[in-house]
Amino acid sequence: MLATKITCRDRWRQVINEADRIPVKHLLTLQEGVSEAQFREMT
């Protein structure tokens, strides 16, 4: 599953719901400055 989002904010959580049966998901974003804390929460 590959999801593209312009900004991560809370939209990365949509990926979880959009592909709940797919175990490995990849997220691409154009957003700059994703914090280390936000990255840890995503992983």
N, C-alpha and C. Protein backbone atom coordinates (compact mmCIF):
# COMPACT_ATOMS: atom_id res chain seq x y z
N MET A 1 0.85 -1.18 0.00
CA MET A 1 0.00 0.00 0.00
C MET A 1 0.88 1.22 0.00
N LEU A 2 0.65 2.13 -0.89
CA LEU A 2 1.36 3.40 -0.95
C LEU A 2 0.34 4.51 -0.86
N ALA A 3 0.51 5.39 0.11
CA ALA A 3 -0.39 6.53 0.26
C ALA A 3 0.42 7.80 0.07
N THR A 4 -0.18 8.77 -0.58
CA THR A 4 0.47 10.07 -0.72
C THR A 4 -0.41 11.12 -0.05
N LYS A 5 0.19 11.93 0.76
CA LYS A 5 -0.51 13.01 1.47
C LYS A 5 0.34 14.26 1.32
N ILE A 6 -0.29 15.39 1.08
CA ILE A 6 0.44 16.64 0.94
C ILE A 6 1.08 17.02 2.27
N THR A 7 0.32 16.93 3.34
CA THR A 7 0.86 17.20 4.67
C THR A 7 0.60 16.01 5.56
N CYS A 8 1.45 15.81 6.54
CA CYS A 8 1.29 14.67 7.44
C CYS A 8 0.31 14.96 8.58
N ARG A 9 0.44 16.13 9.20
CA ARG A 9 -0.35 16.47 10.38
C ARG A 9 -0.95 15.22 10.99
N ASP A 10 -2.25 15.08 10.90
CA ASP A 10 -2.91 13.88 11.39
C ASP A 10 -3.38 12.99 10.25
N ARG A 11 -3.08 13.39 9.02
CA ARG A 11 -3.55 12.62 7.86
C ARG A 11 -2.89 11.27 7.74
N TRP A 12 -1.71 11.11 8.34
CA TRP A 12 -1.05 9.81 8.25
C TRP A 12 -1.90 8.74 8.90
N ARG A 13 -2.74 9.14 9.87
CA ARG A 13 -3.64 8.17 10.52
C ARG A 13 -4.70 7.65 9.54
N GLN A 14 -5.02 8.44 8.52
CA GLN A 14 -5.98 7.99 7.50
C GLN A 14 -5.45 6.75 6.78
N VAL A 15 -4.15 6.68 6.60
CA VAL A 15 -3.55 5.54 5.91
C VAL A 15 -3.88 4.24 6.64
N ILE A 16 -3.84 4.28 7.96
CA ILE A 16 -4.16 3.10 8.76
C ILE A 16 -5.59 2.64 8.48
N ASN A 17 -6.52 3.58 8.39
CA ASN A 17 -7.92 3.24 8.13
C ASN A 17 -8.18 2.87 6.68
N GLU A 18 -7.45 3.48 5.76
CA GLU A 18 -7.67 3.22 4.34
C GLU A 18 -7.19 1.83 3.93
N ALA A 19 -6.24 1.29 4.66
CA ALA A 19 -5.67 -0.01 4.28
C ALA A 19 -5.50 -0.88 5.53
N ASP A 20 -6.57 -1.05 6.26
CA ASP A 20 -6.48 -1.76 7.54
C ASP A 20 -6.08 -3.22 7.41
N ARG A 21 -6.29 -3.83 6.24
CA ARG A 21 -5.94 -5.25 6.08
C ARG A 21 -4.56 -5.46 5.47
N ILE A 22 -3.87 -4.39 5.16
CA ILE A 22 -2.54 -4.49 4.56
C ILE A 22 -1.51 -4.25 5.66
N PRO A 23 -0.64 -5.23 5.91
CA PRO A 23 0.28 -5.10 7.05
C PRO A 23 1.39 -4.07 6.87
N VAL A 24 1.90 -3.91 5.65
CA VAL A 24 3.00 -2.97 5.42
C VAL A 24 2.48 -1.80 4.61
N LYS A 25 2.66 -0.60 5.16
CA LYS A 25 2.18 0.60 4.49
C LYS A 25 3.35 1.56 4.29
N HIS A 26 3.31 2.32 3.20
CA HIS A 26 4.34 3.32 2.93
C HIS A 26 3.63 4.65 2.74
N LEU A 27 4.19 5.69 3.33
CA LEU A 27 3.61 7.02 3.24
C LEU A 27 4.61 7.98 2.64
N LEU A 28 4.22 8.67 1.59
CA LEU A 28 5.05 9.70 0.97
C LEU A 28 4.41 11.05 1.25
N THR A 29 5.23 12.03 1.56
CA THR A 29 4.71 13.37 1.80
C THR A 29 5.68 14.41 1.26
N LEU A 30 5.17 15.59 0.94
CA LEU A 30 5.98 16.71 0.52
C LEU A 30 6.22 17.68 1.67
N GLN A 31 5.66 17.38 2.81
CA GLN A 31 5.78 18.26 3.97
C GLN A 31 7.21 18.29 4.48
N GLU A 32 7.69 19.49 4.75
CA GLU A 32 9.02 19.65 5.32
C GLU A 32 8.89 19.81 6.83
N GLY A 33 9.93 19.46 7.53
CA GLY A 33 9.97 19.73 8.95
C GLY A 33 9.15 18.80 9.82
N VAL A 34 8.97 17.56 9.42
CA VAL A 34 8.29 16.60 10.28
C VAL A 34 9.16 16.39 11.51
N SER A 35 8.58 16.59 12.68
CA SER A 35 9.39 16.49 13.90
C SER A 35 9.76 15.04 14.19
N GLU A 36 10.82 14.89 14.96
CA GLU A 36 11.26 13.55 15.34
C GLU A 36 10.19 12.84 16.16
N ALA A 37 9.50 13.58 17.03
CA ALA A 37 8.43 12.99 17.83
C ALA A 37 7.28 12.52 16.94
N GLN A 38 6.92 13.31 15.94
CA GLN A 38 5.85 12.91 15.03
C GLN A 38 6.26 11.67 14.23
N PHE A 39 7.50 11.63 13.79
CA PHE A 39 8.00 10.48 13.04
C PHE A 39 7.94 9.21 13.90
N ARG A 40 8.35 9.33 15.16
CA ARG A 40 8.29 8.16 16.07
C ARG A 40 6.86 7.68 16.25
N GLU A 41 5.91 8.62 16.35
CA GLU A 41 4.51 8.22 16.50
C GLU A 41 4.01 7.50 15.26
N MET A 42 4.46 7.92 14.09
CA MET A 42 4.04 7.26 12.85
C MET A 42 4.55 5.83 12.78
N THR A 43 5.79 5.63 13.22
CA THR A 43 6.35 4.29 13.11
C THR A 43 5.78 3.41 14.19
